[in-house]
Amino acid sequence: MSSIVLNANDISRAISRIAHEILEKNKGPVNLVLVGIRTRGVSLSRRLQEKIKEIEQTTVGHGILDITLYRDDLSTGKKNPQMKKTEIPLPIEGKTIVLCDDVLFTGRTIRAAIDALMDFGRPASVQLAVLIDRGHRELPIRPDYVGKNIPTSKDMSVKVKLKEDDDAEDQVIVIEEAS
């Protein structure tokens, strides 16, 4: 059984709100760099970059982070890792980095992303923007910006579909796994 919890308009409004919150918290776009975690975090970060440009008439830095080698589940053999390119074309030293991802669940992806990010320098701070926070943290990680909190049970999954990645209409679906 599945249900759509966000449609394209809801996602657009959430991105607009997150962009405004980022600008408010950081007193504008100066020294901001958005870094998307592959795959859908990249689409989210690009949309945030566009929204910030629309609001402030300036383009903030952007990067793409692949965390494959930093994951803590590689040794379990459960995943078939596919490495993709990390692209951080500007120095992050002294910058405010906003890590972007689609769904925050256990926190392990974000821990891996922070580890990967530190290999590129020492930012002034790292903030976290997620489209969906579904709870069930295993690590002490808390997002700074959230599109929507969706309390779920562990036997549910959250699927984010974005037109850039899925050739489908933007939506967030909660799927209840059959027992």
N, C-alpha and C. Protein backbone atom coordinates (compact mmCIF):
# COMPACT_ATOMS: atom_id res chain seq x y z
N MET A 1 0.85 -1.18 0.00
CA MET A 1 0.00 0.00 0.00
C MET A 1 0.89 1.24 0.00
N SER A 2 0.56 2.21 -0.82
CA SER A 2 1.36 3.43 -0.88
C SER A 2 0.45 4.65 -0.94
N SER A 3 1.01 5.77 -0.48
CA SER A 3 0.25 7.02 -0.56
C SER A 3 1.20 8.17 -0.87
N ILE A 4 0.70 9.08 -1.68
CA ILE A 4 1.48 10.27 -2.04
C ILE A 4 1.34 11.27 -0.90
N VAL A 5 2.47 11.68 -0.32
CA VAL A 5 2.43 12.64 0.79
C VAL A 5 2.85 14.04 0.36
N LEU A 6 3.58 14.15 -0.76
CA LEU A 6 3.90 15.46 -1.34
C LEU A 6 3.76 15.36 -2.85
N ASN A 7 3.13 16.35 -3.44
CA ASN A 7 3.06 16.41 -4.90
C ASN A 7 4.05 17.47 -5.39
N ALA A 8 4.06 17.73 -6.68
CA ALA A 8 5.02 18.67 -7.26
C ALA A 8 4.92 20.07 -6.64
N ASN A 9 3.70 20.56 -6.42
CA ASN A 9 3.52 21.89 -5.81
C ASN A 9 4.02 21.92 -4.38
N ASP A 10 3.76 20.84 -3.63
CA ASP A 10 4.24 20.76 -2.24
C ASP A 10 5.76 20.79 -2.19
N ILE A 11 6.40 20.05 -3.09
CA ILE A 11 7.87 20.01 -3.14
C ILE A 11 8.42 21.38 -3.49
N SER A 12 7.80 22.04 -4.45
CA SER A 12 8.25 23.38 -4.84
C SER A 12 8.15 24.37 -3.68
N ARG A 13 7.04 24.32 -2.95
CA ARG A 13 6.87 25.20 -1.79
C ARG A 13 7.91 24.89 -0.71
N ALA A 14 8.17 23.62 -0.49
CA ALA A 14 9.16 23.22 0.52
C ALA A 14 10.55 23.74 0.15
N ILE A 15 10.91 23.64 -1.11
CA ILE A 15 12.22 24.12 -1.56
C ILE A 15 12.30 25.64 -1.41
N SER A 16 11.24 26.33 -1.74
CA SER A 16 11.21 27.78 -1.57
C SER A 16 11.39 28.17 -0.10
N ARG A 17 10.68 27.47 0.77
CA ARG A 17 10.78 27.76 2.21
C ARG A 17 12.18 27.47 2.73
N ILE A 18 12.76 26.33 2.34
CA ILE A 18 14.10 25.98 2.79
C ILE A 18 15.11 27.02 2.31
N ALA A 19 14.99 27.47 1.07
CA ALA A 19 15.91 28.49 0.54
C ALA A 19 15.83 29.77 1.37
N HIS A 20 14.62 30.20 1.69
CA HIS A 20 14.46 31.40 2.52
C HIS A 20 15.05 31.19 3.91
N GLU A 21 14.84 30.01 4.49
CA GLU A 21 15.39 29.71 5.82
C GLU A 21 16.92 29.72 5.80
N ILE A 22 17.52 29.16 4.75
CA ILE A 22 18.98 29.15 4.62
C ILE A 22 19.50 30.58 4.58
N LEU A 23 18.87 31.42 3.77
CA LEU A 23 19.30 32.81 3.64
C LEU A 23 19.11 33.57 4.95
N GLU A 24 18.01 33.33 5.63
CA GLU A 24 17.75 34.01 6.90
C GLU A 24 18.77 33.60 7.96
N LYS A 25 18.99 32.31 8.12
CA LYS A 25 19.92 31.82 9.14
C LYS A 25 21.34 32.30 8.90
N ASN A 26 21.73 32.40 7.63
CA ASN A 26 23.10 32.76 7.28
C ASN A 26 23.26 34.23 6.90
N LYS A 27 22.21 35.01 7.12
CA LYS A 27 22.22 36.44 6.84
C LYS A 27 22.64 36.75 5.39
N GLY A 28 22.08 35.97 4.48
CA GLY A 28 22.35 36.18 3.07
C GLY A 28 23.18 35.05 2.47
N PRO A 29 23.55 35.23 1.20
CA PRO A 29 24.22 34.15 0.46
C PRO A 29 25.75 34.15 0.53
N VAL A 30 26.35 35.12 1.21
CA VAL A 30 27.81 35.22 1.23
C VAL A 30 28.43 34.00 1.92
N ASN A 31 29.43 33.43 1.28
CA ASN A 31 30.18 32.27 1.78
C ASN A 31 29.37 30.98 1.84
N LEU A 32 28.21 30.93 1.20
CA LEU A 32 27.41 29.71 1.16
C LEU A 32 27.85 28.81 0.00
N VAL A 33 27.91 27.51 0.27
CA VAL A 33 28.13 26.52 -0.77
C VAL A 33 27.13 25.39 -0.53
N LEU A 34 26.34 25.08 -1.53
CA LEU A 34 25.40 23.97 -1.46
C LEU A 34 26.09 22.73 -2.02
N VAL A 35 26.01 21.63 -1.28
CA VAL A 35 26.63 20.38 -1.72
C VAL A 35 25.58 19.29 -1.69
N GLY A 36 25.26 18.76 -2.85
CA GLY A 36 24.26 17.71 -2.96
C GLY A 36 24.89 16.34 -2.85
N ILE A 37 24.24 15.46 -2.07
CA ILE A 37 24.68 14.08 -1.94
C ILE A 37 24.01 13.28 -3.04
N ARG A 38 24.82 12.58 -3.83
CA ARG A 38 24.25 11.79 -4.92
C ARG A 38 23.22 10.82 -4.41
N THR A 39 22.10 10.67 -5.01
CA THR A 39 21.68 11.15 -6.31
C THR A 39 20.68 12.30 -6.16
N ARG A 40 19.61 12.09 -5.43
CA ARG A 40 18.56 13.11 -5.40
C ARG A 40 18.93 14.34 -4.58
N GLY A 41 19.94 14.23 -3.73
CA GLY A 41 20.42 15.40 -3.02
C GLY A 41 21.01 16.43 -3.98
N VAL A 42 21.54 15.95 -5.10
CA VAL A 42 22.09 16.84 -6.12
C VAL A 42 20.96 17.65 -6.76
N SER A 43 19.88 16.99 -7.10
CA SER A 43 18.74 17.70 -7.70
C SER A 43 18.16 18.71 -6.71
N LEU A 44 18.06 18.31 -5.46
CA LEU A 44 17.56 19.22 -4.42
C LEU A 44 18.49 20.44 -4.29
N SER A 45 19.80 20.20 -4.25
CA SER A 45 20.74 21.32 -4.09
C SER A 45 20.71 22.26 -5.29
N ARG A 46 20.55 21.71 -6.48
CA ARG A 46 20.46 22.58 -7.68
C ARG A 46 19.19 23.43 -7.64
N ARG A 47 18.09 22.83 -7.21
CA ARG A 47 16.85 23.60 -7.09
C ARG A 47 16.98 24.68 -6.04
N LEU A 48 17.64 24.37 -4.93
CA LEU A 48 17.87 25.39 -3.90
C LEU A 48 18.77 26.50 -4.44
N GLN A 49 19.78 26.13 -5.21
CA GLN A 49 20.67 27.12 -5.80
C GLN A 49 19.89 28.06 -6.72
N GLU A 50 19.01 27.49 -7.54
CA GLU A 50 18.18 28.31 -8.44
C GLU A 50 17.24 29.23 -7.65
N LYS A 51 16.65 28.71 -6.59
CA LYS A 51 15.71 29.52 -5.78
C LYS A 51 16.46 30.65 -5.10
N ILE A 52 17.65 30.37 -4.58
CA ILE A 52 18.46 31.43 -3.94
C ILE A 52 18.86 32.48 -4.97
N LYS A 53 19.20 32.05 -6.18
CA LYS A 53 19.53 33.00 -7.25
C LYS A 53 18.33 33.89 -7.57
N GLU A 54 17.15 33.28 -7.60
CA GLU A 54 15.91 34.02 -7.87
C GLU A 54 15.66 35.07 -6.77
N ILE A 55 15.93 34.70 -5.52
CA ILE A 55 15.66 35.59 -4.39
C ILE A 55 16.72 36.68 -4.28
N GLU A 56 17.99 36.31 -4.41
CA GLU A 56 19.11 37.22 -4.12
C GLU A 56 19.82 37.77 -5.35
N GLN A 57 19.47 37.31 -6.54
CA GLN A 57 20.14 37.70 -7.78
C GLN A 57 21.65 37.45 -7.72
N THR A 58 22.04 36.36 -7.07
CA THR A 58 23.43 35.95 -7.04
C THR A 58 23.49 34.43 -6.99
N THR A 59 24.53 33.87 -7.56
CA THR A 59 24.67 32.42 -7.60
C THR A 59 25.63 31.97 -6.50
N VAL A 60 25.14 31.07 -5.66
CA VAL A 60 26.00 30.51 -4.60
C VAL A 60 26.75 29.31 -5.17
N GLY A 61 27.86 28.97 -4.53
CA GLY A 61 28.66 27.84 -4.97
C GLY A 61 27.87 26.53 -4.87
N HIS A 62 28.30 25.57 -5.68
CA HIS A 62 27.60 24.28 -5.72
C HIS A 62 28.61 23.16 -5.92
N GLY A 63 28.36 22.05 -5.23
CA GLY A 63 29.19 20.87 -5.40
C GLY A 63 28.35 19.61 -5.34
N ILE A 64 28.97 18.51 -5.77
CA ILE A 64 28.32 17.21 -5.78
C ILE A 64 29.22 16.24 -5.05
N LEU A 65 28.63 15.48 -4.12
CA LEU A 65 29.40 14.57 -3.28
C LEU A 65 28.94 13.13 -3.50
N ASP A 66 29.90 12.27 -3.81
CA ASP A 66 29.64 10.84 -3.87
C ASP A 66 30.24 10.23 -2.61
N ILE A 67 29.42 9.54 -1.83
CA ILE A 67 29.88 9.02 -0.53
C ILE A 67 30.14 7.52 -0.55
N THR A 68 30.16 6.91 -1.71
CA THR A 68 30.26 5.46 -1.82
C THR A 68 31.37 4.88 -0.96
N LEU A 69 32.57 5.44 -1.05
CA LEU A 69 33.72 4.88 -0.32
C LEU A 69 33.68 5.17 1.17
N TYR A 70 32.77 6.01 1.61
CA TYR A 70 32.69 6.39 3.02
C TYR A 70 31.56 5.67 3.76
N ARG A 71 30.80 4.88 3.06
CA ARG A 71 29.66 4.18 3.68
C ARG A 71 30.15 3.13 4.66
N ASP A 72 29.40 2.91 5.73
CA ASP A 72 29.79 1.91 6.71
C ASP A 72 29.15 0.55 6.45
N ASP A 73 28.41 0.42 5.34
CA ASP A 73 27.78 -0.86 5.04
C ASP A 73 28.43 -1.57 3.85
N LEU A 74 29.56 -1.08 3.38
CA LEU A 74 30.22 -1.72 2.24
C LEU A 74 30.68 -3.13 2.58
N SER A 75 31.15 -3.34 3.80
CA SER A 75 31.69 -4.64 4.18
C SER A 75 30.60 -5.70 4.39
N THR A 76 29.34 -5.29 4.48
CA THR A 76 28.27 -6.26 4.70
C THR A 76 27.90 -7.00 3.43
N GLY A 77 28.33 -6.48 2.29
CA GLY A 77 28.03 -7.14 1.02
C GLY A 77 26.60 -6.96 0.56
N LYS A 78 25.81 -6.17 1.28
CA LYS A 78 24.40 -5.98 0.92
C LYS A 78 24.24 -5.05 -0.28
N LYS A 79 25.19 -4.19 -0.46
CA LYS A 79 25.08 -3.21 -1.53
C LYS A 79 26.07 -3.55 -2.64
N ASN A 80 25.71 -3.20 -3.86
CA ASN A 80 26.62 -3.31 -4.97
C ASN A 80 27.02 -1.87 -5.33
N PRO A 81 28.10 -1.38 -4.72
CA PRO A 81 28.41 0.05 -4.85
C PRO A 81 28.78 0.43 -6.28
N GLN A 82 28.26 1.56 -6.69
CA GLN A 82 28.60 2.13 -7.98
C GLN A 82 29.15 3.52 -7.73
N MET A 83 30.44 3.66 -7.92
CA MET A 83 31.08 4.95 -7.69
C MET A 83 30.73 5.92 -8.80
N LYS A 84 30.45 7.13 -8.37
CA LYS A 84 30.22 8.21 -9.31
C LYS A 84 31.16 9.34 -8.93
N LYS A 85 31.16 10.36 -9.72
CA LYS A 85 32.13 11.44 -9.55
C LYS A 85 31.70 12.43 -8.46
N THR A 86 32.67 12.81 -7.62
CA THR A 86 32.49 13.93 -6.70
C THR A 86 32.99 15.16 -7.44
N GLU A 87 32.23 16.23 -7.39
CA GLU A 87 32.61 17.48 -8.06
C GLU A 87 32.44 18.63 -7.09
N ILE A 88 33.56 19.04 -6.50
CA ILE A 88 33.54 20.22 -5.64
C ILE A 88 34.59 21.17 -6.23
N PRO A 89 34.14 22.03 -7.16
CA PRO A 89 35.05 22.82 -7.98
C PRO A 89 35.57 24.11 -7.32
N LEU A 90 35.30 24.29 -6.03
CA LEU A 90 35.75 25.51 -5.37
C LEU A 90 36.24 25.14 -3.97
N PRO A 91 37.11 25.96 -3.41
CA PRO A 91 37.58 25.65 -2.06
C PRO A 91 36.45 25.80 -1.04
N ILE A 92 36.40 24.88 -0.08
CA ILE A 92 35.35 24.94 0.94
C ILE A 92 35.90 25.50 2.25
N GLU A 93 37.18 25.72 2.30
CA GLU A 93 37.84 26.26 3.50
C GLU A 93 37.16 27.55 3.93
N GLY A 94 36.67 27.59 5.17
CA GLY A 94 36.05 28.79 5.71
C GLY A 94 34.64 29.08 5.21
N LYS A 95 34.09 28.23 4.40
CA LYS A 95 32.74 28.43 3.85
C LYS A 95 31.69 27.78 4.73
N THR A 96 30.46 28.23 4.58
CA THR A 96 29.31 27.55 5.20
C THR A 96 28.77 26.58 4.18
N ILE A 97 28.88 25.30 4.50
CA ILE A 97 28.43 24.25 3.59
C ILE A 97 27.03 23.81 4.01
N VAL A 98 26.12 23.75 3.04
CA VAL A 98 24.80 23.20 3.29
C VAL A 98 24.73 21.88 2.53
N LEU A 99 24.84 20.77 3.27
CA LEU A 99 24.68 19.44 2.68
C LEU A 99 23.20 19.24 2.37
N CYS A 100 22.90 18.69 1.21
CA CYS A 100 21.52 18.50 0.79
C CYS A 100 21.27 17.04 0.45
N ASP A 101 20.17 16.50 0.98
CA ASP A 101 19.79 15.13 0.66
C ASP A 101 18.27 15.04 0.62
N ASP A 102 17.77 13.98 -0.01
CA ASP A 102 16.32 13.86 -0.16
C ASP A 102 15.64 13.36 1.11
N VAL A 103 16.15 12.27 1.71
CA VAL A 103 15.50 11.68 2.89
C VAL A 103 16.53 11.47 3.99
N LEU A 104 16.20 11.92 5.18
CA LEU A 104 17.03 11.65 6.36
C LEU A 104 16.36 10.54 7.14
N PHE A 105 17.11 9.46 7.39
CA PHE A 105 16.57 8.30 8.08
C PHE A 105 17.47 8.00 9.28
N THR A 106 18.41 7.11 9.16
CA THR A 106 19.25 6.71 10.29
C THR A 106 20.33 7.72 10.62
N GLY A 107 20.75 8.52 9.63
CA GLY A 107 21.83 9.48 9.81
C GLY A 107 23.16 8.98 9.29
N ARG A 108 23.22 7.72 8.88
CA ARG A 108 24.49 7.14 8.43
C ARG A 108 24.98 7.74 7.11
N THR A 109 24.09 8.07 6.21
CA THR A 109 24.48 8.72 4.96
C THR A 109 25.11 10.08 5.25
N ILE A 110 24.54 10.83 6.16
CA ILE A 110 25.06 12.16 6.48
C ILE A 110 26.42 12.06 7.16
N ARG A 111 26.58 11.07 8.05
CA ARG A 111 27.89 10.86 8.68
C ARG A 111 28.94 10.59 7.61
N ALA A 112 28.61 9.73 6.64
CA ALA A 112 29.54 9.44 5.56
C ALA A 112 29.83 10.69 4.73
N ALA A 113 28.80 11.50 4.49
CA ALA A 113 28.98 12.73 3.71
C ALA A 113 29.89 13.72 4.42
N ILE A 114 29.75 13.84 5.72
CA ILE A 114 30.62 14.75 6.48
C ILE A 114 32.06 14.26 6.41
N ASP A 115 32.26 12.95 6.56
CA ASP A 115 33.62 12.39 6.43
C ASP A 115 34.20 12.71 5.06
N ALA A 116 33.42 12.50 4.01
CA ALA A 116 33.89 12.77 2.65
C ALA A 116 34.19 14.25 2.45
N LEU A 117 33.33 15.10 2.97
CA LEU A 117 33.49 16.54 2.82
C LEU A 117 34.79 17.04 3.46
N MET A 118 35.14 16.49 4.61
CA MET A 118 36.33 16.93 5.33
C MET A 118 37.61 16.64 4.56
N ASP A 119 37.57 15.71 3.60
CA ASP A 119 38.74 15.46 2.76
C ASP A 119 39.00 16.63 1.80
N PHE A 120 38.05 17.54 1.67
CA PHE A 120 38.20 18.69 0.77
C PHE A 120 38.59 19.97 1.49
N GLY A 121 38.71 19.93 2.80
CA GLY A 121 39.08 21.12 3.56
C GLY A 121 38.25 21.25 4.82
N ARG A 122 38.46 22.37 5.48
CA ARG A 122 37.78 22.62 6.74
C ARG A 122 36.80 23.78 6.59
N PRO A 123 35.53 23.46 6.43
CA PRO A 123 34.55 24.54 6.30
C PRO A 123 34.34 25.25 7.64
N ALA A 124 33.81 26.46 7.58
CA ALA A 124 33.48 27.20 8.80
C ALA A 124 32.38 26.47 9.56
N SER A 125 31.40 25.95 8.81
CA SER A 125 30.32 25.17 9.42
C SER A 125 29.67 24.30 8.35
N VAL A 126 28.98 23.25 8.84
CA VAL A 126 28.23 22.37 7.95
C VAL A 126 26.80 22.33 8.46
N GLN A 127 25.88 22.62 7.56
CA GLN A 127 24.46 22.57 7.88
C GLN A 127 23.83 21.48 7.01
N LEU A 128 22.63 21.06 7.39
CA LEU A 128 21.97 19.98 6.68
C LEU A 128 20.56 20.39 6.27
N ALA A 129 20.28 20.22 4.97
CA ALA A 129 18.94 20.47 4.42
C ALA A 129 18.43 19.16 3.82
N VAL A 130 17.23 18.75 4.23
CA VAL A 130 16.63 17.54 3.69
C VAL A 130 15.19 17.83 3.27
N LEU A 131 14.76 17.14 2.24
CA LEU A 131 13.38 17.30 1.82
C LEU A 131 12.45 16.58 2.80
N ILE A 132 12.85 15.37 3.24
CA ILE A 132 12.02 14.56 4.13
C ILE A 132 12.85 14.10 5.33
N ASP A 133 12.31 14.29 6.53
CA ASP A 133 12.89 13.69 7.74
C ASP A 133 11.89 12.65 8.22
N ARG A 134 12.29 11.39 8.19
CA ARG A 134 11.37 10.32 8.56
C ARG A 134 11.65 9.72 9.93
N GLY A 135 12.64 10.26 10.65
CA GLY A 135 12.92 9.76 12.00
C GLY A 135 13.78 8.52 12.00
N HIS A 136 13.81 7.83 13.13
CA HIS A 136 14.55 6.57 13.33
C HIS A 136 16.06 6.76 13.29
N ARG A 137 16.56 7.83 13.87
CA ARG A 137 17.99 8.11 13.87
C ARG A 137 18.77 7.06 14.65
N GLU A 138 19.92 6.66 14.12
CA GLU A 138 20.86 5.79 14.80
C GLU A 138 22.09 6.55 15.25
N LEU A 139 22.25 7.75 14.72
CA LEU A 139 23.37 8.62 15.05
C LEU A 139 22.82 9.99 15.45
N PRO A 140 23.60 10.74 16.24
CA PRO A 140 23.10 12.05 16.70
C PRO A 140 23.20 13.12 15.62
N ILE A 141 22.35 13.00 14.62
CA ILE A 141 22.35 13.93 13.49
C ILE A 141 20.96 14.54 13.39
N ARG A 142 20.94 15.88 13.25
CA ARG A 142 19.68 16.61 13.20
C ARG A 142 19.74 17.62 12.05
N PRO A 143 18.71 17.65 11.22
CA PRO A 143 18.73 18.60 10.09
C PRO A 143 18.47 20.03 10.55
N ASP A 144 19.08 20.97 9.83
CA ASP A 144 18.84 22.39 10.08
C ASP A 144 17.61 22.88 9.32
N TYR A 145 17.35 22.24 8.17
CA TYR A 145 16.24 22.65 7.31
C TYR A 145 15.52 21.40 6.83
N VAL A 146 14.19 21.39 6.98
CA VAL A 146 13.39 20.22 6.63
C VAL A 146 12.20 20.65 5.79
N GLY A 147 12.00 19.98 4.67
CA GLY A 147 10.82 20.23 3.86
C GLY A 147 9.57 19.71 4.54
N LYS A 148 9.62 18.47 5.04
CA LYS A 148 8.48 17.88 5.73
C LYS A 148 8.95 16.74 6.63
N ASN A 149 8.43 16.73 7.84
CA ASN A 149 8.63 15.60 8.75
C ASN A 149 7.54 14.59 8.47
N ILE A 150 7.94 13.35 8.23
CA ILE A 150 6.97 12.28 7.98
C ILE A 150 7.31 11.14 8.94
N PRO A 151 6.61 11.07 10.06
CA PRO A 151 6.85 9.96 10.97
C PRO A 151 6.47 8.64 10.29
N THR A 152 7.38 7.69 10.31
CA THR A 152 7.14 6.40 9.68
C THR A 152 7.52 5.29 10.64
N SER A 153 7.04 4.11 10.35
CA SER A 153 7.53 2.95 11.07
C SER A 153 8.68 2.38 10.25
N LYS A 154 9.47 1.52 10.88
CA LYS A 154 10.63 0.97 10.17
C LYS A 154 10.24 0.05 9.02
N ASP A 155 9.00 -0.44 9.02
CA ASP A 155 8.58 -1.31 7.91
C ASP A 155 7.96 -0.52 6.75
N MET A 156 8.12 0.79 6.80
CA MET A 156 7.68 1.64 5.69
C MET A 156 8.92 2.14 4.96
N SER A 157 8.74 2.55 3.72
CA SER A 157 9.83 3.20 3.00
C SER A 157 9.29 4.49 2.40
N VAL A 158 10.21 5.42 2.18
CA VAL A 158 9.86 6.71 1.59
C VAL A 158 10.59 6.81 0.26
N LYS A 159 9.86 7.05 -0.80
CA LYS A 159 10.42 7.16 -2.13
C LYS A 159 10.21 8.58 -2.64
N VAL A 160 11.33 9.26 -2.92
CA VAL A 160 11.26 10.59 -3.51
C VAL A 160 11.49 10.44 -5.01
N LYS A 161 10.58 10.98 -5.78
CA LYS A 161 10.73 10.98 -7.24
C LYS A 161 10.86 12.42 -7.70
N LEU A 162 11.93 12.69 -8.42
CA LEU A 162 12.17 14.02 -8.97
C LEU A 162 12.37 13.89 -10.47
N LYS A 163 11.81 14.85 -11.21
CA LYS A 163 11.83 14.75 -12.67
C LYS A 163 13.24 14.66 -13.23
N GLU A 164 14.23 15.28 -12.56
CA GLU A 164 15.61 15.24 -13.05
C GLU A 164 16.21 13.83 -12.98
N ASP A 165 15.77 13.04 -12.02
CA ASP A 165 16.38 11.73 -11.78
C ASP A 165 15.50 10.56 -12.18
N ASP A 166 14.20 10.75 -12.20
CA ASP A 166 13.29 9.63 -12.35
C ASP A 166 12.40 9.69 -13.58
N ASP A 167 12.55 10.71 -14.41
CA ASP A 167 11.67 10.87 -15.57
C ASP A 167 10.21 10.71 -15.18
N ALA A 168 9.88 11.28 -14.04
CA ALA A 168 8.51 11.19 -13.53
C ALA A 168 8.14 12.52 -12.89
N GLU A 169 6.88 12.66 -12.59
CA GLU A 169 6.42 13.86 -11.91
C GLU A 169 6.99 13.89 -10.49
N ASP A 170 7.32 15.07 -10.01
CA ASP A 170 7.82 15.21 -8.65
C ASP A 170 6.77 14.72 -7.66
N GLN A 171 7.20 13.83 -6.75
CA GLN A 171 6.32 13.40 -5.67
C GLN A 171 7.10 12.63 -4.63
N VAL A 172 6.53 12.60 -3.44
CA VAL A 172 7.07 11.78 -2.35
C VAL A 172 6.00 10.78 -1.98
N ILE A 173 6.39 9.51 -1.95
CA ILE A 173 5.46 8.42 -1.70
C ILE A 173 5.93 7.66 -0.46
N VAL A 174 4.99 7.35 0.42
CA VAL A 174 5.26 6.46 1.55
C VAL A 174 4.67 5.10 1.19
N ILE A 175 5.53 4.09 1.29
CA ILE A 175 5.12 2.74 0.93
C ILE A 175 5.15 1.87 2.19
N GLU A 176 4.02 1.25 2.47
CA GLU A 176 3.95 0.34 3.60
C GLU A 176 4.25 -1.06 3.09
N GLU A 177 5.33 -1.62 3.57
CA GLU A 177 5.76 -2.95 3.13
C GLU A 177 4.79 -4.00 3.64
N ALA A 178 4.49 -4.97 2.82
CA ALA A 178 3.62 -6.07 3.24
C ALA A 178 4.36 -6.96 4.24
N SER A 179 3.68 -7.32 5.29
CA SER A 179 4.32 -8.15 6.32
C SER A 179 4.31 -9.61 5.95
